[in-house]
Amino acid sequence: MLFTSTFFALVATATASRISFSSSGAASTRAVQEAFEAANIPEDLAITFNPSAILDVSYPQADGSTVHLHGQNVPRDQTASAPKMALHFTDSNGASASGPFVVLMIDPDAPTPQNRSLSSVRHLLGGDFYFNHHGGLVNHTAAVTDYRQPTPPQGSDAHRYVFLVFLQSEEFASQTLVNASTPILPFNVSQFVAETGLGSPIAGNFMFVDPAEDPEA
């Protein structure tokens, strides 16, 4: 799978109990961190989230348009194609990082946000991501877990779908904890990160997705 996209800037805007970040204004890792905290993502995943880069996640649409994620609700039918990603470091220390990176996408709200007994669900896991000449992230080896479209069950509230990027560790390159046949749930993010030496994520993004209006969709 190929993940490429252009960079976008983020700003924090509060809406009810959520914080989203728009596609206009100055890039801010603090805005993303505050949005993650407002959505209780670090607490629920038992991770430390202090990003040093901006992760742009976008979904290409059949009509040629693109849906960029910024902590907002996204209709399920707009998430059918594998997302494209780009990474933008906001400090001089991170600017020299060229990869490889690990990308993880999970659903921490299975089966429902009120009953997270099956969490998390692994929707994407891959290593050996590097920058291409457009600044997008492209994986040079097969994904450990191929992309799976969000599918919250009927009757559930909207689920959070979280994207995290890590600097790839030597332990991850040789890990045998997860492979293509490993069940995608329940997946303990903090345990996997600890056992593979990935440390804290350097960037992240997320969206909310409601169940499909058509159960057959």
N, C-alpha and C. Protein backbone atom coordinates (compact mmCIF):
# COMPACT_ATOMS: atom_id res chain seq x y z
N MET A 1 0.84 -1.19 0.00
CA MET A 1 0.00 0.00 0.00
C MET A 1 0.88 1.24 0.00
N LEU A 2 0.46 2.30 -0.73
CA LEU A 2 1.21 3.52 -0.79
C LEU A 2 0.47 4.59 -0.01
N PHE A 3 1.20 5.40 0.74
CA PHE A 3 0.62 6.46 1.53
C PHE A 3 1.33 7.76 1.16
N THR A 4 0.70 8.63 0.39
CA THR A 4 1.29 9.89 0.00
C THR A 4 0.26 11.00 0.14
N SER A 5 0.73 12.20 0.49
CA SER A 5 -0.18 13.33 0.60
C SER A 5 0.61 14.60 0.79
N THR A 6 -0.05 15.75 0.70
CA THR A 6 0.58 17.02 0.98
C THR A 6 0.38 17.37 2.44
N PHE A 7 1.22 18.29 2.94
CA PHE A 7 1.13 18.69 4.34
C PHE A 7 -0.09 19.58 4.55
N PHE A 8 -0.57 19.62 5.80
CA PHE A 8 -1.61 20.59 6.12
C PHE A 8 -1.40 21.10 7.52
N ALA A 9 -1.91 22.30 7.80
CA ALA A 9 -1.70 22.95 9.08
C ALA A 9 -2.89 22.70 9.98
N LEU A 10 -2.64 22.81 11.29
CA LEU A 10 -3.67 22.48 12.26
C LEU A 10 -3.83 23.60 13.27
N VAL A 11 -5.08 23.87 13.64
CA VAL A 11 -5.35 24.78 14.74
C VAL A 11 -6.45 24.20 15.60
N ALA A 12 -6.38 24.47 16.89
CA ALA A 12 -7.36 23.89 17.81
C ALA A 12 -8.62 24.74 17.85
N THR A 13 -9.77 24.06 17.80
CA THR A 13 -11.05 24.72 17.99
C THR A 13 -11.94 23.81 18.82
N ALA A 14 -12.49 24.33 19.90
CA ALA A 14 -13.29 23.50 20.79
C ALA A 14 -14.71 23.39 20.26
N THR A 15 -15.24 22.17 20.28
CA THR A 15 -16.64 21.94 19.93
C THR A 15 -17.20 20.94 20.92
N ALA A 16 -18.08 21.45 21.79
CA ALA A 16 -18.66 20.61 22.84
C ALA A 16 -17.53 19.98 23.64
N SER A 17 -17.54 18.63 23.79
CA SER A 17 -16.52 17.96 24.59
C SER A 17 -15.33 17.52 23.75
N ARG A 18 -15.31 17.90 22.47
CA ARG A 18 -14.23 17.51 21.58
C ARG A 18 -13.43 18.73 21.16
N ILE A 19 -12.21 18.50 20.74
CA ILE A 19 -11.39 19.53 20.13
C ILE A 19 -10.97 19.01 18.77
N SER A 20 -11.24 19.78 17.73
CA SER A 20 -10.79 19.41 16.40
C SER A 20 -9.74 20.42 15.95
N PHE A 21 -9.07 20.10 14.86
CA PHE A 21 -8.05 21.03 14.35
C PHE A 21 -8.31 21.21 12.87
N SER A 22 -8.41 22.47 12.46
CA SER A 22 -8.84 22.77 11.09
C SER A 22 -7.66 22.76 10.14
N SER A 23 -7.96 22.90 8.84
CA SER A 23 -6.92 22.86 7.82
C SER A 23 -6.41 24.25 7.47
N SER A 24 -6.63 25.22 8.36
CA SER A 24 -6.10 26.55 8.13
C SER A 24 -5.39 27.02 9.40
N GLY A 25 -4.42 27.92 9.24
CA GLY A 25 -3.69 28.41 10.38
C GLY A 25 -2.32 27.79 10.50
N ALA A 26 -1.62 28.14 11.56
CA ALA A 26 -0.25 27.67 11.75
C ALA A 26 -0.25 26.25 12.29
N ALA A 27 0.70 25.45 11.80
CA ALA A 27 0.81 24.07 12.28
C ALA A 27 1.14 24.07 13.77
N SER A 28 0.51 23.21 14.53
CA SER A 28 0.71 23.18 15.97
C SER A 28 0.58 21.77 16.51
N THR A 29 1.69 21.22 17.00
CA THR A 29 1.62 19.92 17.65
C THR A 29 0.83 20.02 18.95
N ARG A 30 0.85 21.20 19.57
CA ARG A 30 0.10 21.39 20.80
C ARG A 30 -1.40 21.26 20.54
N ALA A 31 -1.86 21.78 19.40
CA ALA A 31 -3.27 21.67 19.06
C ALA A 31 -3.68 20.21 18.93
N VAL A 32 -2.83 19.42 18.30
CA VAL A 32 -3.13 17.99 18.14
C VAL A 32 -3.11 17.29 19.49
N GLN A 33 -2.12 17.62 20.32
CA GLN A 33 -2.03 17.02 21.65
C GLN A 33 -3.28 17.32 22.47
N GLU A 34 -3.75 18.56 22.42
CA GLU A 34 -4.94 18.94 23.17
C GLU A 34 -6.18 18.20 22.65
N ALA A 35 -6.24 18.01 21.34
CA ALA A 35 -7.37 17.27 20.77
C ALA A 35 -7.35 15.82 21.21
N PHE A 36 -6.16 15.21 21.23
CA PHE A 36 -6.03 13.83 21.71
C PHE A 36 -6.46 13.73 23.17
N GLU A 37 -6.03 14.69 23.99
CA GLU A 37 -6.37 14.66 25.40
C GLU A 37 -7.86 14.86 25.61
N ALA A 38 -8.48 15.75 24.85
CA ALA A 38 -9.92 15.98 24.97
C ALA A 38 -10.72 14.74 24.61
N ALA A 39 -10.17 13.94 23.68
CA ALA A 39 -10.84 12.70 23.27
C ALA A 39 -10.43 11.51 24.14
N ASN A 40 -9.64 11.76 25.20
CA ASN A 40 -9.20 10.72 26.15
C ASN A 40 -8.40 9.60 25.48
N ILE A 41 -7.72 9.90 24.40
CA ILE A 41 -6.99 8.86 23.69
C ILE A 41 -5.75 8.40 24.44
N PRO A 42 -4.87 9.30 24.90
CA PRO A 42 -3.69 8.81 25.63
C PRO A 42 -4.06 8.00 26.87
N GLU A 43 -5.07 8.46 27.60
CA GLU A 43 -5.49 7.75 28.82
C GLU A 43 -6.03 6.37 28.49
N ASP A 44 -6.89 6.28 27.49
CA ASP A 44 -7.51 5.00 27.16
C ASP A 44 -6.51 4.01 26.56
N LEU A 45 -5.48 4.51 25.88
CA LEU A 45 -4.47 3.63 25.30
C LEU A 45 -3.29 3.40 26.24
N ALA A 46 -3.27 4.13 27.36
CA ALA A 46 -2.17 4.04 28.32
C ALA A 46 -0.83 4.35 27.66
N ILE A 47 -0.81 5.45 26.90
CA ILE A 47 0.42 5.89 26.24
C ILE A 47 0.68 7.35 26.59
N THR A 48 1.93 7.76 26.40
CA THR A 48 2.30 9.17 26.50
C THR A 48 2.26 9.76 25.10
N PHE A 49 1.57 10.88 24.94
CA PHE A 49 1.46 11.50 23.62
C PHE A 49 1.93 12.95 23.70
N ASN A 50 3.13 13.19 23.24
CA ASN A 50 3.72 14.53 23.19
C ASN A 50 4.36 14.68 21.82
N PRO A 51 3.57 14.92 20.78
CA PRO A 51 4.06 14.82 19.40
C PRO A 51 5.09 15.87 19.04
N SER A 52 6.01 15.47 18.17
CA SER A 52 7.02 16.39 17.64
C SER A 52 6.83 16.62 16.15
N ALA A 53 5.77 16.06 15.58
CA ALA A 53 5.50 16.20 14.16
C ALA A 53 4.00 16.23 13.92
N ILE A 54 3.61 16.78 12.79
CA ILE A 54 2.22 16.82 12.35
C ILE A 54 2.00 15.67 11.37
N LEU A 55 0.98 14.86 11.63
CA LEU A 55 0.62 13.76 10.73
C LEU A 55 -0.62 14.16 9.93
N ASP A 56 -0.47 14.25 8.63
CA ASP A 56 -1.59 14.51 7.74
C ASP A 56 -2.12 13.17 7.24
N VAL A 57 -3.39 12.90 7.51
CA VAL A 57 -4.05 11.68 7.03
C VAL A 57 -5.20 12.11 6.13
N SER A 58 -5.26 11.56 4.94
CA SER A 58 -6.31 11.95 4.00
C SER A 58 -6.85 10.74 3.27
N TYR A 59 -8.13 10.81 2.95
CA TYR A 59 -8.80 9.74 2.22
C TYR A 59 -9.19 10.24 0.83
N PRO A 60 -8.64 9.64 -0.23
CA PRO A 60 -9.05 10.01 -1.58
C PRO A 60 -10.45 9.50 -1.88
N GLN A 61 -11.25 10.33 -2.57
CA GLN A 61 -12.63 9.98 -2.89
C GLN A 61 -12.79 9.68 -4.37
N ALA A 62 -13.85 8.95 -4.70
CA ALA A 62 -14.08 8.53 -6.08
C ALA A 62 -14.26 9.72 -7.02
N ASP A 63 -14.73 10.86 -6.51
CA ASP A 63 -14.96 12.02 -7.36
C ASP A 63 -13.71 12.88 -7.53
N GLY A 64 -12.58 12.42 -6.98
CA GLY A 64 -11.34 13.16 -7.11
C GLY A 64 -11.04 14.08 -5.95
N SER A 65 -11.98 14.26 -5.04
CA SER A 65 -11.75 15.10 -3.87
C SER A 65 -10.98 14.33 -2.80
N THR A 66 -10.60 15.03 -1.74
CA THR A 66 -9.84 14.42 -0.65
C THR A 66 -10.43 14.85 0.68
N VAL A 67 -10.59 13.90 1.60
CA VAL A 67 -11.06 14.19 2.95
C VAL A 67 -9.88 14.13 3.90
N HIS A 68 -9.53 15.27 4.52
CA HIS A 68 -8.44 15.33 5.48
C HIS A 68 -9.00 15.14 6.90
N LEU A 69 -8.27 14.42 7.71
CA LEU A 69 -8.70 14.19 9.09
C LEU A 69 -8.18 15.30 9.99
N HIS A 70 -9.06 15.76 10.90
CA HIS A 70 -8.64 16.72 11.91
C HIS A 70 -9.50 16.58 13.16
N GLY A 71 -9.70 15.32 13.58
CA GLY A 71 -10.44 15.07 14.81
C GLY A 71 -11.94 15.21 14.68
N GLN A 72 -12.45 15.13 13.45
CA GLN A 72 -13.86 15.36 13.20
C GLN A 72 -14.59 14.06 12.88
N ASN A 73 -15.91 14.13 12.76
CA ASN A 73 -16.70 13.00 12.29
C ASN A 73 -16.52 12.83 10.78
N VAL A 74 -16.31 11.60 10.35
CA VAL A 74 -16.16 11.29 8.93
C VAL A 74 -17.16 10.19 8.59
N PRO A 75 -17.99 10.38 7.57
CA PRO A 75 -18.91 9.31 7.16
C PRO A 75 -18.14 8.05 6.78
N ARG A 76 -18.68 6.90 7.15
CA ARG A 76 -17.97 5.66 6.91
C ARG A 76 -17.66 5.45 5.43
N ASP A 77 -18.59 5.84 4.55
CA ASP A 77 -18.37 5.59 3.13
C ASP A 77 -17.22 6.41 2.55
N GLN A 78 -16.72 7.38 3.31
CA GLN A 78 -15.58 8.16 2.85
C GLN A 78 -14.25 7.54 3.29
N THR A 79 -14.30 6.40 3.98
CA THR A 79 -13.08 5.76 4.47
C THR A 79 -12.79 4.45 3.76
N ALA A 80 -13.40 4.23 2.60
CA ALA A 80 -13.27 2.94 1.92
C ALA A 80 -11.86 2.71 1.38
N SER A 81 -11.26 3.74 0.81
CA SER A 81 -9.91 3.60 0.25
C SER A 81 -8.87 3.69 1.34
N ALA A 82 -7.73 3.05 1.14
CA ALA A 82 -6.63 3.17 2.09
C ALA A 82 -6.19 4.62 2.18
N PRO A 83 -5.94 5.13 3.38
CA PRO A 83 -5.58 6.54 3.53
C PRO A 83 -4.17 6.82 3.04
N LYS A 84 -3.94 8.09 2.70
CA LYS A 84 -2.60 8.58 2.39
C LYS A 84 -2.10 9.39 3.58
N MET A 85 -0.79 9.38 3.79
CA MET A 85 -0.23 10.05 4.96
C MET A 85 1.00 10.85 4.59
N ALA A 86 1.20 11.93 5.34
CA ALA A 86 2.42 12.73 5.23
C ALA A 86 2.82 13.18 6.62
N LEU A 87 4.10 13.39 6.82
CA LEU A 87 4.63 13.73 8.14
C LEU A 87 5.43 15.02 8.02
N HIS A 88 5.18 15.95 8.92
CA HIS A 88 5.87 17.24 8.91
C HIS A 88 6.42 17.53 10.30
N PHE A 89 7.74 17.55 10.43
CA PHE A 89 8.36 17.85 11.72
C PHE A 89 8.35 19.35 11.96
N THR A 90 8.07 19.72 13.20
CA THR A 90 7.95 21.14 13.54
C THR A 90 9.13 21.65 14.35
N ASP A 91 10.13 20.81 14.61
CA ASP A 91 11.32 21.27 15.32
C ASP A 91 12.57 20.80 14.58
N SER A 92 13.68 21.45 14.84
CA SER A 92 14.92 21.15 14.13
C SER A 92 15.47 19.78 14.49
N ASN A 93 15.18 19.31 15.70
CA ASN A 93 15.68 17.99 16.10
C ASN A 93 15.04 16.88 15.28
N GLY A 94 13.75 17.00 15.02
CA GLY A 94 13.06 15.96 14.27
C GLY A 94 13.23 16.08 12.78
N ALA A 95 13.63 17.25 12.31
CA ALA A 95 13.69 17.49 10.87
C ALA A 95 14.67 16.56 10.18
N SER A 96 15.65 16.05 10.92
CA SER A 96 16.66 15.17 10.31
C SER A 96 16.19 13.72 10.23
N ALA A 97 15.06 13.40 10.88
CA ALA A 97 14.56 12.02 10.86
C ALA A 97 14.06 11.68 9.46
N SER A 98 14.54 10.59 8.94
CA SER A 98 14.16 10.19 7.58
C SER A 98 13.50 8.82 7.54
N GLY A 99 13.35 8.19 8.68
CA GLY A 99 12.75 6.86 8.73
C GLY A 99 13.80 5.82 9.03
N PRO A 100 13.38 4.59 9.17
CA PRO A 100 12.01 4.14 8.94
C PRO A 100 11.06 4.49 10.10
N PHE A 101 9.78 4.52 9.75
CA PHE A 101 8.73 4.79 10.72
C PHE A 101 7.75 3.62 10.76
N VAL A 102 7.05 3.50 11.89
CA VAL A 102 5.97 2.52 12.05
C VAL A 102 4.65 3.28 12.11
N VAL A 103 3.65 2.80 11.39
CA VAL A 103 2.32 3.40 11.40
C VAL A 103 1.32 2.40 11.97
N LEU A 104 0.52 2.86 12.90
CA LEU A 104 -0.50 2.03 13.54
C LEU A 104 -1.83 2.76 13.51
N MET A 105 -2.89 2.05 13.14
CA MET A 105 -4.26 2.58 13.21
C MET A 105 -5.09 1.63 14.05
N ILE A 106 -5.78 2.16 15.05
CA ILE A 106 -6.57 1.30 15.93
C ILE A 106 -7.93 1.94 16.24
N ASP A 107 -8.86 1.08 16.65
CA ASP A 107 -10.17 1.48 17.16
C ASP A 107 -10.19 1.12 18.63
N PRO A 108 -10.16 2.10 19.54
CA PRO A 108 -10.17 1.80 20.97
C PRO A 108 -11.56 1.71 21.58
N ASP A 109 -12.60 1.63 20.75
CA ASP A 109 -13.98 1.69 21.24
C ASP A 109 -14.80 0.46 20.91
N ALA A 110 -14.16 -0.70 20.85
CA ALA A 110 -14.89 -1.93 20.49
C ALA A 110 -15.34 -2.69 21.75
N PRO A 111 -16.60 -3.17 21.76
CA PRO A 111 -17.59 -3.02 20.69
C PRO A 111 -18.31 -1.67 20.68
N THR A 112 -18.31 -0.96 21.83
CA THR A 112 -18.91 0.37 21.89
C THR A 112 -18.04 1.25 22.79
N PRO A 113 -18.17 2.57 22.69
CA PRO A 113 -17.40 3.44 23.58
C PRO A 113 -17.73 3.23 25.05
N GLN A 114 -18.95 2.75 25.34
CA GLN A 114 -19.35 2.50 26.73
C GLN A 114 -18.89 1.13 27.22
N ASN A 115 -18.59 0.23 26.32
CA ASN A 115 -18.13 -1.12 26.66
C ASN A 115 -16.93 -1.44 25.77
N ARG A 116 -15.74 -1.17 26.27
CA ARG A 116 -14.53 -1.29 25.48
C ARG A 116 -13.82 -2.62 25.71
N SER A 117 -14.58 -3.66 26.00
CA SER A 117 -14.00 -4.95 26.39
C SER A 117 -13.24 -5.64 25.27
N LEU A 118 -13.48 -5.28 24.03
CA LEU A 118 -12.78 -5.90 22.90
C LEU A 118 -11.69 -4.99 22.33
N SER A 119 -11.44 -3.90 23.00
CA SER A 119 -10.46 -2.94 22.49
C SER A 119 -9.03 -3.39 22.79
N SER A 120 -8.12 -2.93 21.96
CA SER A 120 -8.37 -2.16 20.73
C SER A 120 -8.44 -3.10 19.52
N VAL A 121 -9.01 -2.59 18.44
CA VAL A 121 -9.03 -3.33 17.18
C VAL A 121 -7.94 -2.75 16.28
N ARG A 122 -7.11 -3.61 15.75
CA ARG A 122 -6.00 -3.17 14.89
C ARG A 122 -6.49 -3.04 13.45
N HIS A 123 -6.45 -1.84 12.92
CA HIS A 123 -6.93 -1.60 11.55
C HIS A 123 -5.79 -1.42 10.55
N LEU A 124 -4.59 -1.18 11.03
CA LEU A 124 -3.42 -1.05 10.17
C LEU A 124 -2.17 -1.12 11.03
N LEU A 125 -1.20 -1.88 10.60
CA LEU A 125 0.11 -1.90 11.26
C LEU A 125 1.15 -2.19 10.20
N GLY A 126 2.11 -1.30 10.10
CA GLY A 126 3.17 -1.50 9.12
C GLY A 126 4.44 -0.78 9.51
N GLY A 127 5.55 -1.31 9.07
CA GLY A 127 6.84 -0.67 9.30
C GLY A 127 7.52 -0.32 7.99
N ASP A 128 8.76 0.14 8.12
CA ASP A 128 9.56 0.53 6.95
C ASP A 128 8.89 1.61 6.11
N PHE A 129 8.26 2.57 6.78
CA PHE A 129 7.73 3.74 6.08
C PHE A 129 8.84 4.78 5.94
N TYR A 130 8.98 5.32 4.75
CA TYR A 130 9.95 6.36 4.46
C TYR A 130 9.26 7.49 3.70
N PHE A 131 9.92 8.65 3.64
CA PHE A 131 9.41 9.76 2.85
C PHE A 131 9.62 9.49 1.37
N ASN A 132 8.63 9.84 0.56
CA ASN A 132 8.86 9.84 -0.88
C ASN A 132 9.21 11.26 -1.32
N HIS A 133 9.39 11.50 -2.60
CA HIS A 133 9.85 12.82 -3.05
C HIS A 133 8.77 13.89 -2.92
N HIS A 134 7.54 13.50 -2.61
CA HIS A 134 6.47 14.47 -2.36
C HIS A 134 6.31 14.77 -0.86
N GLY A 135 7.09 14.09 -0.01
CA GLY A 135 6.95 14.27 1.42
C GLY A 135 5.96 13.33 2.06
N GLY A 136 5.35 12.46 1.28
CA GLY A 136 4.42 11.49 1.82
C GLY A 136 5.13 10.29 2.42
N LEU A 137 4.40 9.51 3.19
CA LEU A 137 4.95 8.29 3.79
C LEU A 137 4.57 7.09 2.93
N VAL A 138 5.57 6.31 2.58
CA VAL A 138 5.37 5.12 1.75
C VAL A 138 6.06 3.95 2.42
N ASN A 139 5.34 2.82 2.56
CA ASN A 139 5.97 1.64 3.17
C ASN A 139 6.69 0.83 2.10
N HIS A 140 7.92 0.40 2.45
CA HIS A 140 8.77 -0.32 1.51
C HIS A 140 8.67 -1.83 1.68
N THR A 141 7.93 -2.27 2.68
CA THR A 141 7.69 -3.70 2.88
C THR A 141 6.19 -3.91 3.11
N ALA A 142 5.75 -5.15 3.00
CA ALA A 142 4.32 -5.44 3.18
C ALA A 142 3.88 -5.09 4.60
N ALA A 143 2.65 -4.61 4.72
CA ALA A 143 2.10 -4.29 6.03
C ALA A 143 1.95 -5.56 6.86
N VAL A 144 2.13 -5.43 8.16
CA VAL A 144 1.88 -6.55 9.07
C VAL A 144 0.37 -6.81 9.12
N THR A 145 -0.40 -5.75 9.24
CA THR A 145 -1.86 -5.81 9.17
C THR A 145 -2.32 -4.84 8.10
N ASP A 146 -2.95 -5.36 7.04
CA ASP A 146 -3.43 -4.49 5.97
C ASP A 146 -4.57 -3.60 6.46
N TYR A 147 -4.75 -2.49 5.79
CA TYR A 147 -5.79 -1.54 6.16
C TYR A 147 -7.17 -2.18 6.14
N ARG A 148 -7.93 -1.93 7.21
CA ARG A 148 -9.31 -2.38 7.32
C ARG A 148 -10.20 -1.16 7.54
N GLN A 149 -11.23 -1.04 6.75
CA GLN A 149 -12.13 0.10 6.85
C GLN A 149 -12.86 0.12 8.19
N PRO A 150 -13.04 1.29 8.79
CA PRO A 150 -13.83 1.38 10.02
C PRO A 150 -15.22 0.77 9.84
N THR A 151 -15.63 -0.05 10.82
CA THR A 151 -16.94 -0.69 10.76
C THR A 151 -17.55 -0.76 12.16
N PRO A 152 -17.90 0.39 12.74
CA PRO A 152 -18.56 0.34 14.05
C PRO A 152 -19.90 -0.37 13.94
N PRO A 153 -20.29 -1.17 14.94
CA PRO A 153 -21.52 -1.95 14.84
C PRO A 153 -22.77 -1.08 14.94
N GLN A 154 -23.85 -1.57 14.35
CA GLN A 154 -25.13 -0.87 14.44
C GLN A 154 -25.53 -0.70 15.90
N GLY A 155 -26.05 0.46 16.22
CA GLY A 155 -26.49 0.75 17.58
C GLY A 155 -25.43 1.39 18.44
N SER A 156 -24.19 1.41 17.97
CA SER A 156 -23.10 2.01 18.74
C SER A 156 -23.03 3.50 18.48
N ASP A 157 -22.50 4.23 19.46
CA ASP A 157 -22.11 5.61 19.20
C ASP A 157 -20.89 5.62 18.29
N ALA A 158 -20.51 6.79 17.84
CA ALA A 158 -19.34 6.91 16.98
C ALA A 158 -18.10 6.36 17.67
N HIS A 159 -17.26 5.67 16.91
CA HIS A 159 -15.99 5.15 17.41
C HIS A 159 -14.87 6.12 17.05
N ARG A 160 -13.83 6.15 17.89
CA ARG A 160 -12.61 6.87 17.55
C ARG A 160 -11.71 5.94 16.73
N TYR A 161 -11.11 6.48 15.71
CA TYR A 161 -10.12 5.73 14.92
C TYR A 161 -8.83 6.54 14.95
N VAL A 162 -7.79 5.93 15.52
CA VAL A 162 -6.58 6.66 15.88
C VAL A 162 -5.41 6.20 15.03
N PHE A 163 -4.68 7.16 14.48
CA PHE A 163 -3.45 6.89 13.73
C PHE A 163 -2.27 7.36 14.57
N LEU A 164 -1.25 6.50 14.70
CA LEU A 164 -0.05 6.84 15.44
C LEU A 164 1.18 6.52 14.60
N VAL A 165 2.20 7.37 14.70
CA VAL A 165 3.47 7.14 14.00
C VAL A 165 4.58 7.07 15.04
N PHE A 166 5.44 6.07 14.89
CA PHE A 166 6.58 5.85 15.77
C PHE A 166 7.87 5.81 14.95
N LEU A 167 8.97 6.17 15.59
CA LEU A 167 10.27 5.87 15.01
C LEU A 167 10.48 4.36 15.12
N GLN A 168 10.84 3.72 14.04
CA GLN A 168 10.96 2.25 14.05
C GLN A 168 12.17 1.81 14.86
N SER A 169 11.96 0.85 15.73
CA SER A 169 13.02 0.30 16.58
C SER A 169 13.59 -0.97 15.97
N GLU A 170 14.76 -1.37 16.43
CA GLU A 170 15.34 -2.64 15.98
C GLU A 170 14.46 -3.80 16.41
N GLU A 171 13.86 -3.68 17.60
CA GLU A 171 12.99 -4.75 18.09
C GLU A 171 11.76 -4.93 17.21
N PHE A 172 11.22 -3.83 16.69
CA PHE A 172 10.05 -3.96 15.82
C PHE A 172 10.41 -4.70 14.54
N ALA A 173 11.56 -4.42 14.01
CA ALA A 173 11.96 -5.04 12.74
C ALA A 173 12.00 -6.55 12.84
N SER A 174 12.24 -7.08 14.05
CA SER A 174 12.33 -8.53 14.23
C SER A 174 11.19 -9.09 15.07
N GLN A 175 10.14 -8.29 15.29
CA GLN A 175 9.06 -8.72 16.19
C GLN A 175 8.27 -9.87 15.58
N THR A 176 7.81 -10.77 16.46
CA THR A 176 6.98 -11.90 16.05
C THR A 176 5.65 -11.93 16.82
N LEU A 177 5.34 -10.84 17.51
CA LEU A 177 4.12 -10.78 18.31
C LEU A 177 2.88 -10.71 17.44
N VAL A 178 3.00 -10.04 16.30
CA VAL A 178 1.86 -9.85 15.40
C VAL A 178 2.29 -10.19 13.98
N ASN A 179 1.44 -10.97 13.30
CA ASN A 179 1.67 -11.24 11.88
C ASN A 179 0.32 -11.18 11.16
N ALA A 180 0.32 -11.57 9.89
CA ALA A 180 -0.89 -11.43 9.08
C ALA A 180 -2.06 -12.28 9.58
N SER A 181 -1.77 -13.34 10.34
CA SER A 181 -2.83 -14.22 10.82
C SER A 181 -3.20 -13.98 12.28
N THR A 182 -2.56 -13.03 12.94
CA THR A 182 -2.86 -12.73 14.33
C THR A 182 -4.22 -12.03 14.43
N PRO A 183 -5.08 -12.44 15.37
CA PRO A 183 -6.38 -11.76 15.52
C PRO A 183 -6.19 -10.25 15.69
N ILE A 184 -7.09 -9.49 15.10
CA ILE A 184 -6.95 -8.04 15.16
C ILE A 184 -7.48 -7.46 16.47
N LEU A 185 -8.13 -8.29 17.28
CA LEU A 185 -8.62 -7.83 18.58
C LEU A 185 -8.58 -8.98 19.59
N PRO A 186 -8.47 -8.66 20.87
CA PRO A 186 -8.12 -7.34 21.40
C PRO A 186 -6.62 -7.10 21.25
N PHE A 187 -6.26 -5.88 20.95
CA PHE A 187 -4.87 -5.50 20.72
C PHE A 187 -4.48 -4.47 21.77
N ASN A 188 -3.51 -4.81 22.61
CA ASN A 188 -3.06 -3.93 23.69
C ASN A 188 -1.93 -3.04 23.15
N VAL A 189 -2.26 -1.80 22.89
CA VAL A 189 -1.31 -0.89 22.26
C VAL A 189 -0.09 -0.65 23.14
N SER A 190 -0.31 -0.31 24.40
CA SER A 190 0.82 0.02 25.28
C SER A 190 1.73 -1.18 25.49
N GLN A 191 1.16 -2.37 25.60
CA GLN A 191 1.99 -3.57 25.77
C GLN A 191 2.81 -3.84 24.52
N PHE A 192 2.19 -3.73 23.35
CA PHE A 192 2.91 -3.97 22.10
C PHE A 192 4.03 -2.96 21.93
N VAL A 193 3.75 -1.71 22.21
CA VAL A 193 4.76 -0.66 22.08
C VAL A 193 5.93 -0.92 23.02
N ALA A 194 5.63 -1.34 24.24
CA ALA A 194 6.70 -1.62 25.21
C ALA A 194 7.55 -2.81 24.78
N GLU A 195 6.89 -3.87 24.31
CA GLU A 195 7.62 -5.09 23.98
C GLU A 195 8.41 -4.97 22.68
N THR A 196 8.07 -4.00 21.85
CA THR A 196 8.81 -3.81 20.60
C THR A 196 9.72 -2.59 20.65
N GLY A 197 9.80 -1.95 21.81
CA GLY A 197 10.74 -0.84 21.98
C GLY A 197 10.44 0.39 21.15
N LEU A 198 9.17 0.60 20.81
CA LEU A 198 8.83 1.74 19.95
C LEU A 198 8.82 3.08 20.69
N GLY A 199 8.65 3.03 22.00
CA GLY A 199 8.58 4.28 22.74
C GLY A 199 7.28 5.02 22.49
N SER A 200 7.30 6.31 22.71
CA SER A 200 6.09 7.12 22.53
C SER A 200 5.93 7.52 21.07
N PRO A 201 4.69 7.66 20.61
CA PRO A 201 4.49 8.09 19.22
C PRO A 201 5.00 9.51 19.01
N ILE A 202 5.50 9.77 17.81
CA ILE A 202 6.01 11.10 17.48
C ILE A 202 4.94 11.95 16.79
N ALA A 203 3.85 11.32 16.36
CA ALA A 203 2.78 12.06 15.69
C ALA A 203 1.51 11.23 15.72
N GLY A 204 0.38 11.88 15.51
CA GLY A 204 -0.89 11.16 15.50
C GLY A 204 -2.00 11.98 14.88
N ASN A 205 -3.08 11.31 14.59
CA ASN A 205 -4.28 11.94 14.05
C ASN A 205 -5.45 11.01 14.38
N PHE A 206 -6.66 11.50 14.27
CA PHE A 206 -7.80 10.63 14.56
C PHE A 206 -9.07 11.20 13.94
N MET A 207 -10.09 10.36 13.94
CA MET A 207 -11.42 10.75 13.45
C MET A 207 -12.46 9.99 14.26
N PHE A 208 -13.70 10.42 14.15
CA PHE A 208 -14.85 9.70 14.68
C PHE A 208 -15.65 9.17 13.50
N VAL A 209 -16.12 7.92 13.60
CA VAL A 209 -16.93 7.33 12.54
C VAL A 209 -18.17 6.69 13.17
N ASP A 210 -19.34 7.07 12.67
CA ASP A 210 -20.60 6.47 13.11
C ASP A 210 -20.86 5.20 12.32
N PRO A 211 -21.71 4.31 12.85
CA PRO A 211 -22.11 3.13 12.07
C PRO A 211 -22.73 3.55 10.74
N ALA A 212 -22.56 2.69 9.73
CA ALA A 212 -23.16 2.98 8.43
C ALA A 212 -24.67 3.04 8.55
N GLU A 213 -25.29 3.99 7.85
CA GLU A 213 -26.75 4.08 7.86
C GLU A 213 -27.38 2.84 7.25
N ASP A 214 -26.72 2.29 6.25
CA ASP A 214 -27.16 1.04 5.62
C ASP A 214 -26.34 -0.09 6.19
N PRO A 215 -26.92 -1.00 6.99
CA PRO A 215 -26.15 -2.09 7.60
C PRO A 215 -25.41 -2.94 6.58
N GLU A 216 -25.86 -2.94 5.33
CA GLU A 216 -25.19 -3.75 4.31
C GLU A 216 -24.04 -3.01 3.66
N ALA A 217 -23.86 -1.72 4.02
CA ALA A 217 -22.82 -0.91 3.38
C ALA A 217 -21.45 -1.30 3.87
